[in-house]
Amino acid sequence: MLKLTKKADYGLIAIKHLAMPGRAAAASAKEIADAYGMPLPLLAKILQKLTKTGLLVSVPGSSGGYKLAKRPEKISALEVIHAIDGPIILTTCFTAHGRCDQSDKCTVREPLRKVHEAIIDLLGKITISEMASDGCEPGTPPIAMERLEALHVL
């Protein structure tokens, strides 16, 4: 099954929260955790990791918290996922050690490579800005969902 880790999911939710239209102030880990029902200790670690990788900045002080380090249209979903989980690997034959017992006879390696590349490409094109504006108007389909359907991944 192909799915995001809980950490990557929480990271995307937190970054989307910080990118919401009209939001200017920093948000604390507690504010974000409370807003989405996330465990605060886990979210705090995720936010620290996103800060270390340069996607967020930490704002000190009583009204401090976290802010985006760059504009939301310059941050991709892939960057966030990669910052938290490392590279996305659909199957082991796409790693540096890319061999398995079936490599010489494998009939699905090339089709799976195409799927892998399409997923990476799609996640690289979806910006946090797009994610923050998805679903703002009732009846508007999320951009990310439209792109997945166009790839026939869903």
N, C-alpha and C. Protein backbone atom coordinates (compact mmCIF):
# COMPACT_ATOMS: atom_id res chain seq x y z
N MET A 1 0.84 -1.17 0.00
CA MET A 1 0.00 0.00 0.00
C MET A 1 0.89 1.24 0.00
N LEU A 2 0.55 2.16 -0.85
CA LEU A 2 1.29 3.41 -0.95
C LEU A 2 0.56 4.46 -0.12
N LYS A 3 1.23 4.94 0.94
CA LYS A 3 0.61 5.99 1.74
C LYS A 3 1.68 6.78 2.47
N LEU A 4 1.31 8.00 2.83
CA LEU A 4 2.22 8.86 3.58
C LEU A 4 2.34 8.36 5.01
N THR A 5 3.49 8.61 5.60
CA THR A 5 3.62 8.32 7.02
C THR A 5 2.81 9.35 7.79
N LYS A 6 2.49 9.03 9.02
CA LYS A 6 1.75 9.96 9.87
C LYS A 6 2.55 11.25 10.06
N LYS A 7 3.88 11.12 10.18
CA LYS A 7 4.73 12.31 10.34
C LYS A 7 4.63 13.22 9.12
N ALA A 8 4.70 12.65 7.92
CA ALA A 8 4.60 13.46 6.71
C ALA A 8 3.23 14.11 6.60
N ASP A 9 2.20 13.36 6.95
CA ASP A 9 0.84 13.87 6.95
C ASP A 9 0.72 15.07 7.89
N TYR A 10 1.21 14.93 9.11
CA TYR A 10 1.18 16.02 10.08
C TYR A 10 2.00 17.21 9.60
N GLY A 11 3.14 16.95 8.99
CA GLY A 11 3.98 18.03 8.47
C GLY A 11 3.27 18.83 7.39
N LEU A 12 2.61 18.13 6.48
CA LEU A 12 1.86 18.81 5.42
C LEU A 12 0.70 19.62 6.00
N ILE A 13 0.01 19.06 6.97
CA ILE A 13 -1.10 19.77 7.61
C ILE A 13 -0.59 21.04 8.29
N ALA A 14 0.52 20.92 9.01
CA ALA A 14 1.08 22.08 9.73
C ALA A 14 1.53 23.16 8.75
N ILE A 15 2.22 22.76 7.70
CA ILE A 15 2.70 23.76 6.72
C ILE A 15 1.52 24.39 5.99
N LYS A 16 0.51 23.59 5.69
CA LYS A 16 -0.68 24.17 5.05
C LYS A 16 -1.34 25.17 5.99
N HIS A 17 -1.40 24.85 7.27
CA HIS A 17 -1.98 25.78 8.26
C HIS A 17 -1.23 27.11 8.24
N LEU A 18 0.08 27.04 8.18
CA LEU A 18 0.89 28.26 8.18
C LEU A 18 0.77 29.05 6.88
N ALA A 19 0.31 28.40 5.82
CA ALA A 19 0.19 29.04 4.52
C ALA A 19 -1.22 29.53 4.21
N MET A 20 -2.15 29.34 5.12
CA MET A 20 -3.54 29.71 4.84
C MET A 20 -3.64 31.19 4.50
N PRO A 21 -4.45 31.52 3.49
CA PRO A 21 -4.62 32.93 3.11
C PRO A 21 -5.05 33.79 4.30
N GLY A 22 -4.43 34.94 4.41
CA GLY A 22 -4.76 35.87 5.49
C GLY A 22 -3.98 35.65 6.77
N ARG A 23 -3.20 34.58 6.86
CA ARG A 23 -2.43 34.29 8.07
C ARG A 23 -1.09 35.01 7.95
N ALA A 24 -0.78 35.83 8.95
CA ALA A 24 0.49 36.55 8.93
C ALA A 24 1.35 36.21 10.14
N ALA A 25 0.72 35.95 11.27
CA ALA A 25 1.47 35.71 12.51
C ALA A 25 2.02 34.28 12.55
N ALA A 26 3.01 34.12 13.40
CA ALA A 26 3.55 32.79 13.65
C ALA A 26 2.51 31.97 14.41
N ALA A 27 2.59 30.67 14.28
CA ALA A 27 1.69 29.77 15.01
C ALA A 27 2.54 28.85 15.88
N SER A 28 2.10 28.63 17.08
CA SER A 28 2.81 27.74 17.99
C SER A 28 2.48 26.29 17.66
N ALA A 29 3.35 25.41 18.09
CA ALA A 29 3.10 23.98 17.91
C ALA A 29 1.80 23.59 18.60
N LYS A 30 1.55 24.16 19.77
CA LYS A 30 0.32 23.86 20.51
C LYS A 30 -0.92 24.31 19.75
N GLU A 31 -0.86 25.50 19.17
CA GLU A 31 -1.99 26.00 18.39
C GLU A 31 -2.33 25.06 17.24
N ILE A 32 -1.30 24.62 16.52
CA ILE A 32 -1.52 23.72 15.39
C ILE A 32 -2.00 22.36 15.86
N ALA A 33 -1.37 21.83 16.89
CA ALA A 33 -1.76 20.52 17.43
C ALA A 33 -3.21 20.54 17.90
N ASP A 34 -3.60 21.59 18.60
CA ASP A 34 -4.98 21.69 19.09
C ASP A 34 -5.98 21.83 17.94
N ALA A 35 -5.60 22.59 16.91
CA ALA A 35 -6.51 22.83 15.78
C ALA A 35 -6.83 21.55 15.01
N TYR A 36 -5.88 20.61 14.98
CA TYR A 36 -6.07 19.42 14.15
C TYR A 36 -6.06 18.11 14.94
N GLY A 37 -6.01 18.20 16.26
CA GLY A 37 -6.04 17.00 17.09
C GLY A 37 -4.80 16.14 16.95
N MET A 38 -3.64 16.77 16.84
CA MET A 38 -2.38 16.04 16.71
C MET A 38 -1.68 15.96 18.07
N PRO A 39 -0.91 14.91 18.30
CA PRO A 39 -0.14 14.84 19.54
C PRO A 39 0.96 15.90 19.53
N LEU A 40 0.96 16.77 20.54
CA LEU A 40 1.90 17.88 20.59
C LEU A 40 3.37 17.45 20.56
N PRO A 41 3.80 16.44 21.33
CA PRO A 41 5.22 16.08 21.28
C PRO A 41 5.69 15.65 19.88
N LEU A 42 4.86 14.89 19.18
CA LEU A 42 5.21 14.46 17.83
C LEU A 42 5.25 15.65 16.88
N LEU A 43 4.24 16.51 16.95
CA LEU A 43 4.21 17.67 16.07
C LEU A 43 5.40 18.59 16.34
N ALA A 44 5.77 18.77 17.60
CA ALA A 44 6.91 19.62 17.94
C ALA A 44 8.19 19.09 17.27
N LYS A 45 8.38 17.77 17.28
CA LYS A 45 9.55 17.18 16.62
C LYS A 45 9.51 17.39 15.11
N ILE A 46 8.34 17.27 14.53
CA ILE A 46 8.18 17.46 13.09
C ILE A 46 8.50 18.92 12.72
N LEU A 47 7.98 19.86 13.51
CA LEU A 47 8.22 21.27 13.24
C LEU A 47 9.71 21.61 13.40
N GLN A 48 10.36 21.00 14.36
CA GLN A 48 11.80 21.21 14.53
C GLN A 48 12.57 20.69 13.32
N LYS A 49 12.16 19.53 12.81
CA LYS A 49 12.82 18.95 11.63
C LYS A 49 12.60 19.85 10.41
N LEU A 50 11.39 20.38 10.25
CA LEU A 50 11.11 21.27 9.13
C LEU A 50 11.89 22.58 9.26
N THR A 51 12.17 22.99 10.48
CA THR A 51 12.99 24.18 10.71
C THR A 51 14.44 23.89 10.35
N LYS A 52 14.94 22.73 10.77
CA LYS A 52 16.33 22.36 10.45
C LYS A 52 16.57 22.23 8.95
N THR A 53 15.55 21.82 8.22
CA THR A 53 15.71 21.66 6.77
C THR A 53 15.43 22.95 6.01
N GLY A 54 15.08 24.02 6.72
CA GLY A 54 14.92 25.32 6.09
C GLY A 54 13.55 25.62 5.52
N LEU A 55 12.56 24.80 5.81
CA LEU A 55 11.21 25.08 5.32
C LEU A 55 10.44 26.00 6.27
N LEU A 56 10.80 25.97 7.54
CA LEU A 56 10.18 26.84 8.55
C LEU A 56 11.25 27.64 9.26
N VAL A 57 10.82 28.73 9.90
CA VAL A 57 11.69 29.48 10.80
C VAL A 57 10.99 29.53 12.15
N SER A 58 11.78 29.49 13.18
CA SER A 58 11.27 29.57 14.54
C SER A 58 11.30 31.03 14.97
N VAL A 59 10.18 31.51 15.50
CA VAL A 59 10.06 32.89 15.95
C VAL A 59 10.01 32.87 17.48
N PRO A 60 11.04 33.43 18.15
CA PRO A 60 11.05 33.42 19.61
C PRO A 60 10.08 34.44 20.21
N GLY A 61 9.80 34.28 21.47
CA GLY A 61 8.98 35.25 22.19
C GLY A 61 7.62 34.72 22.54
N SER A 62 6.88 35.53 23.31
CA SER A 62 5.57 35.10 23.81
C SER A 62 4.55 34.94 22.68
N SER A 63 4.69 35.70 21.61
CA SER A 63 3.78 35.52 20.47
C SER A 63 4.50 34.81 19.32
N GLY A 64 5.54 34.09 19.65
CA GLY A 64 6.33 33.38 18.66
C GLY A 64 5.71 32.06 18.24
N GLY A 65 6.50 31.30 17.57
CA GLY A 65 6.06 30.00 17.06
C GLY A 65 6.82 29.68 15.79
N TYR A 66 6.10 29.28 14.77
CA TYR A 66 6.71 28.90 13.50
C TYR A 66 6.07 29.66 12.36
N LYS A 67 6.89 30.00 11.37
CA LYS A 67 6.44 30.64 10.14
C LYS A 67 7.13 29.95 8.98
N LEU A 68 6.55 30.08 7.80
CA LEU A 68 7.18 29.54 6.60
C LEU A 68 8.47 30.30 6.33
N ALA A 69 9.50 29.60 5.92
CA ALA A 69 10.78 30.22 5.62
C ALA A 69 10.79 30.85 4.23
N LYS A 70 9.88 30.42 3.38
CA LYS A 70 9.76 31.00 2.04
C LYS A 70 8.30 31.01 1.64
N ARG A 71 8.03 31.65 0.56
CA ARG A 71 6.64 31.79 0.11
C ARG A 71 6.03 30.41 -0.17
N PRO A 72 4.75 30.22 0.15
CA PRO A 72 4.12 28.90 -0.01
C PRO A 72 4.11 28.39 -1.45
N GLU A 73 4.15 29.29 -2.42
CA GLU A 73 4.19 28.82 -3.81
C GLU A 73 5.58 28.32 -4.20
N LYS A 74 6.57 28.51 -3.33
CA LYS A 74 7.93 28.03 -3.57
C LYS A 74 8.23 26.73 -2.82
N ILE A 75 7.25 26.21 -2.07
CA ILE A 75 7.43 24.97 -1.32
C ILE A 75 6.53 23.90 -1.92
N SER A 76 7.10 22.77 -2.28
CA SER A 76 6.30 21.68 -2.85
C SER A 76 5.97 20.64 -1.77
N ALA A 77 4.92 19.89 -2.04
CA ALA A 77 4.56 18.79 -1.15
C ALA A 77 5.72 17.81 -1.05
N LEU A 78 6.42 17.59 -2.17
CA LEU A 78 7.56 16.68 -2.18
C LEU A 78 8.66 17.14 -1.23
N GLU A 79 8.94 18.44 -1.19
CA GLU A 79 9.97 18.96 -0.28
C GLU A 79 9.62 18.67 1.18
N VAL A 80 8.36 18.84 1.52
CA VAL A 80 7.92 18.60 2.90
C VAL A 80 8.06 17.13 3.24
N ILE A 81 7.57 16.27 2.37
CA ILE A 81 7.64 14.83 2.60
C ILE A 81 9.10 14.38 2.68
N HIS A 82 9.92 14.87 1.78
CA HIS A 82 11.34 14.50 1.76
C HIS A 82 12.03 14.98 3.03
N ALA A 83 11.71 16.18 3.50
CA ALA A 83 12.32 16.72 4.72
C ALA A 83 12.01 15.86 5.94
N ILE A 84 10.84 15.27 5.95
CA ILE A 84 10.42 14.48 7.11
C ILE A 84 10.81 13.02 6.98
N ASP A 85 10.54 12.43 5.83
CA ASP A 85 10.73 10.98 5.66
C ASP A 85 11.92 10.58 4.80
N GLY A 86 12.54 11.52 4.15
CA GLY A 86 13.59 11.16 3.20
C GLY A 86 12.97 10.84 1.86
N PRO A 87 13.73 10.24 0.96
CA PRO A 87 13.22 9.99 -0.39
C PRO A 87 12.05 9.02 -0.41
N ILE A 88 11.17 9.23 -1.37
CA ILE A 88 10.03 8.34 -1.56
C ILE A 88 10.51 7.15 -2.39
N ILE A 89 10.26 5.96 -1.88
CA ILE A 89 10.69 4.74 -2.57
C ILE A 89 9.47 3.85 -2.73
N LEU A 90 9.05 3.70 -3.98
CA LEU A 90 7.90 2.87 -4.27
C LEU A 90 8.24 1.39 -4.14
N THR A 91 9.41 1.02 -4.61
CA THR A 91 9.89 -0.35 -4.52
C THR A 91 11.41 -0.33 -4.44
N THR A 92 12.01 -1.37 -3.89
CA THR A 92 13.45 -1.37 -3.66
C THR A 92 14.28 -1.32 -4.93
N CYS A 93 13.72 -1.67 -6.07
CA CYS A 93 14.53 -1.64 -7.30
C CYS A 93 14.81 -0.21 -7.76
N PHE A 94 14.25 0.79 -7.08
CA PHE A 94 14.54 2.18 -7.42
C PHE A 94 15.54 2.81 -6.45
N THR A 95 16.14 2.00 -5.60
CA THR A 95 17.13 2.51 -4.67
C THR A 95 18.52 2.34 -5.26
N ALA A 96 19.52 2.82 -4.55
CA ALA A 96 20.91 2.70 -5.01
C ALA A 96 21.33 1.24 -5.13
N HIS A 97 20.74 0.39 -4.30
CA HIS A 97 21.09 -1.04 -4.30
C HIS A 97 20.16 -1.83 -5.20
N GLY A 98 19.41 -1.18 -6.04
CA GLY A 98 18.32 -1.63 -6.86
C GLY A 98 18.29 -3.01 -7.48
N ARG A 99 18.74 -4.01 -6.82
CA ARG A 99 18.64 -5.36 -7.38
C ARG A 99 17.86 -6.24 -6.41
N CYS A 100 17.16 -7.18 -6.98
CA CYS A 100 16.49 -8.19 -6.17
C CYS A 100 16.62 -9.52 -6.90
N ASP A 101 16.06 -10.55 -6.32
CA ASP A 101 16.15 -11.87 -6.93
C ASP A 101 15.46 -11.94 -8.29
N GLN A 102 14.53 -11.05 -8.54
CA GLN A 102 13.74 -11.08 -9.77
C GLN A 102 14.20 -10.07 -10.82
N SER A 103 15.24 -9.31 -10.55
CA SER A 103 15.64 -8.22 -11.45
C SER A 103 15.81 -8.64 -12.90
N ASP A 104 16.42 -9.78 -13.14
CA ASP A 104 16.66 -10.22 -14.52
C ASP A 104 15.39 -10.63 -15.25
N LYS A 105 14.39 -11.07 -14.51
CA LYS A 105 13.16 -11.58 -15.11
C LYS A 105 11.95 -10.67 -14.87
N CYS A 106 12.17 -9.56 -14.21
CA CYS A 106 11.07 -8.70 -13.77
C CYS A 106 10.34 -8.06 -14.95
N THR A 107 9.03 -8.19 -14.96
CA THR A 107 8.22 -7.61 -16.03
C THR A 107 7.49 -6.35 -15.57
N VAL A 108 7.62 -5.99 -14.31
CA VAL A 108 6.90 -4.81 -13.81
C VAL A 108 7.82 -3.67 -13.40
N ARG A 109 9.11 -3.89 -13.47
CA ARG A 109 10.05 -2.85 -13.03
C ARG A 109 9.86 -1.55 -13.82
N GLU A 110 9.79 -1.64 -15.15
CA GLU A 110 9.65 -0.44 -15.98
C GLU A 110 8.29 0.24 -15.76
N PRO A 111 7.18 -0.49 -15.77
CA PRO A 111 5.90 0.19 -15.48
C PRO A 111 5.88 0.83 -14.08
N LEU A 112 6.45 0.16 -13.10
CA LEU A 112 6.50 0.73 -11.75
C LEU A 112 7.42 1.95 -11.68
N ARG A 113 8.48 1.93 -12.47
CA ARG A 113 9.37 3.10 -12.53
C ARG A 113 8.59 4.31 -13.05
N LYS A 114 7.76 4.09 -14.07
CA LYS A 114 6.94 5.18 -14.62
C LYS A 114 5.95 5.71 -13.59
N VAL A 115 5.34 4.82 -12.84
CA VAL A 115 4.41 5.23 -11.78
C VAL A 115 5.17 6.02 -10.72
N HIS A 116 6.33 5.51 -10.32
CA HIS A 116 7.16 6.17 -9.31
C HIS A 116 7.52 7.59 -9.77
N GLU A 117 8.00 7.72 -11.01
CA GLU A 117 8.38 9.03 -11.53
C GLU A 117 7.19 9.97 -11.62
N ALA A 118 6.01 9.44 -11.98
CA ALA A 118 4.81 10.28 -12.07
C ALA A 118 4.41 10.80 -10.69
N ILE A 119 4.51 9.96 -9.68
CA ILE A 119 4.17 10.37 -8.32
C ILE A 119 5.15 11.45 -7.84
N ILE A 120 6.44 11.22 -8.06
CA ILE A 120 7.46 12.19 -7.66
C ILE A 120 7.23 13.51 -8.39
N ASP A 121 6.97 13.44 -9.69
CA ASP A 121 6.73 14.64 -10.49
C ASP A 121 5.51 15.39 -9.98
N LEU A 122 4.43 14.68 -9.73
CA LEU A 122 3.21 15.30 -9.24
C LEU A 122 3.43 15.98 -7.89
N LEU A 123 4.03 15.28 -6.95
CA LEU A 123 4.27 15.86 -5.63
C LEU A 123 5.22 17.06 -5.71
N GLY A 124 6.12 17.04 -6.68
CA GLY A 124 7.02 18.17 -6.88
C GLY A 124 6.33 19.39 -7.46
N LYS A 125 5.22 19.18 -8.14
CA LYS A 125 4.48 20.28 -8.76
C LYS A 125 3.39 20.86 -7.87
N ILE A 126 2.94 20.10 -6.89
CA ILE A 126 1.89 20.59 -6.00
C ILE A 126 2.53 21.49 -4.96
N THR A 127 2.14 22.75 -4.97
CA THR A 127 2.72 23.69 -4.01
C THR A 127 1.85 23.78 -2.76
N ILE A 128 2.48 24.24 -1.70
CA ILE A 128 1.74 24.44 -0.45
C ILE A 128 0.69 25.52 -0.64
N SER A 129 0.99 26.50 -1.50
CA SER A 129 0.01 27.54 -1.81
C SER A 129 -1.25 26.94 -2.41
N GLU A 130 -1.08 26.00 -3.34
CA GLU A 130 -2.23 25.32 -3.94
C GLU A 130 -2.99 24.51 -2.89
N MET A 131 -2.25 23.83 -2.04
CA MET A 131 -2.90 23.03 -1.00
C MET A 131 -3.68 23.93 -0.05
N ALA A 132 -3.14 25.10 0.27
CA ALA A 132 -3.80 26.01 1.20
C ALA A 132 -5.07 26.60 0.61
N SER A 133 -5.13 26.70 -0.72
CA SER A 133 -6.33 27.26 -1.34
C SER A 133 -7.31 26.19 -1.77
N ASP A 134 -6.91 24.91 -1.79
CA ASP A 134 -7.82 23.82 -2.16
C ASP A 134 -9.00 23.74 -1.22
N GLY A 135 -10.17 23.65 -1.81
CA GLY A 135 -11.36 23.44 -1.00
C GLY A 135 -11.86 24.70 -0.31
N CYS A 136 -11.28 25.86 -0.64
CA CYS A 136 -11.74 27.10 0.01
C CYS A 136 -13.14 27.47 -0.44
N GLU A 137 -13.47 27.16 -1.67
CA GLU A 137 -14.81 27.45 -2.16
C GLU A 137 -15.58 26.14 -2.29
N PRO A 138 -16.80 26.09 -1.74
CA PRO A 138 -17.59 24.86 -1.84
C PRO A 138 -17.75 24.42 -3.29
N GLY A 139 -17.59 23.14 -3.52
CA GLY A 139 -17.77 22.58 -4.84
C GLY A 139 -16.53 22.64 -5.71
N THR A 140 -15.47 23.28 -5.25
CA THR A 140 -14.23 23.36 -6.03
C THR A 140 -13.39 22.13 -5.73
N PRO A 141 -13.10 21.29 -6.75
CA PRO A 141 -12.31 20.10 -6.47
C PRO A 141 -10.86 20.48 -6.16
N PRO A 142 -10.24 19.80 -5.22
CA PRO A 142 -8.84 20.08 -4.91
C PRO A 142 -7.94 19.86 -6.12
N ILE A 143 -7.01 20.78 -6.34
CA ILE A 143 -6.09 20.71 -7.47
C ILE A 143 -5.31 19.41 -7.44
N ALA A 144 -4.82 19.03 -6.27
CA ALA A 144 -4.02 17.81 -6.16
C ALA A 144 -4.81 16.59 -6.60
N MET A 145 -6.08 16.52 -6.22
CA MET A 145 -6.91 15.38 -6.59
C MET A 145 -7.12 15.34 -8.10
N GLU A 146 -7.34 16.51 -8.71
CA GLU A 146 -7.50 16.56 -10.16
C GLU A 146 -6.26 16.02 -10.86
N ARG A 147 -5.08 16.38 -10.36
CA ARG A 147 -3.83 15.94 -10.97
C ARG A 147 -3.65 14.43 -10.83
N LEU A 148 -3.98 13.88 -9.67
CA LEU A 148 -3.86 12.43 -9.49
C LEU A 148 -4.81 11.69 -10.43
N GLU A 149 -6.03 12.20 -10.55
CA GLU A 149 -6.98 11.56 -11.43
C GLU A 149 -6.52 11.64 -12.89
N ALA A 150 -5.92 12.75 -13.26
CA ALA A 150 -5.41 12.91 -14.63
C ALA A 150 -4.29 11.92 -14.92
N LEU A 151 -3.52 11.56 -13.92
CA LEU A 151 -2.45 10.58 -14.10
C LEU A 151 -2.99 9.15 -14.09
N HIS A 152 -4.25 9.00 -13.78
CA HIS A 152 -4.88 7.70 -13.64
C HIS A 152 -4.23 6.87 -12.53
N VAL A 153 -3.74 7.59 -11.50
CA VAL A 153 -3.17 6.92 -10.35
C VAL A 153 -4.29 6.48 -9.42
N LEU A 154 -5.37 7.27 -9.38
CA LEU A 154 -6.52 6.92 -8.53
C LEU A 154 -7.54 6.15 -9.31
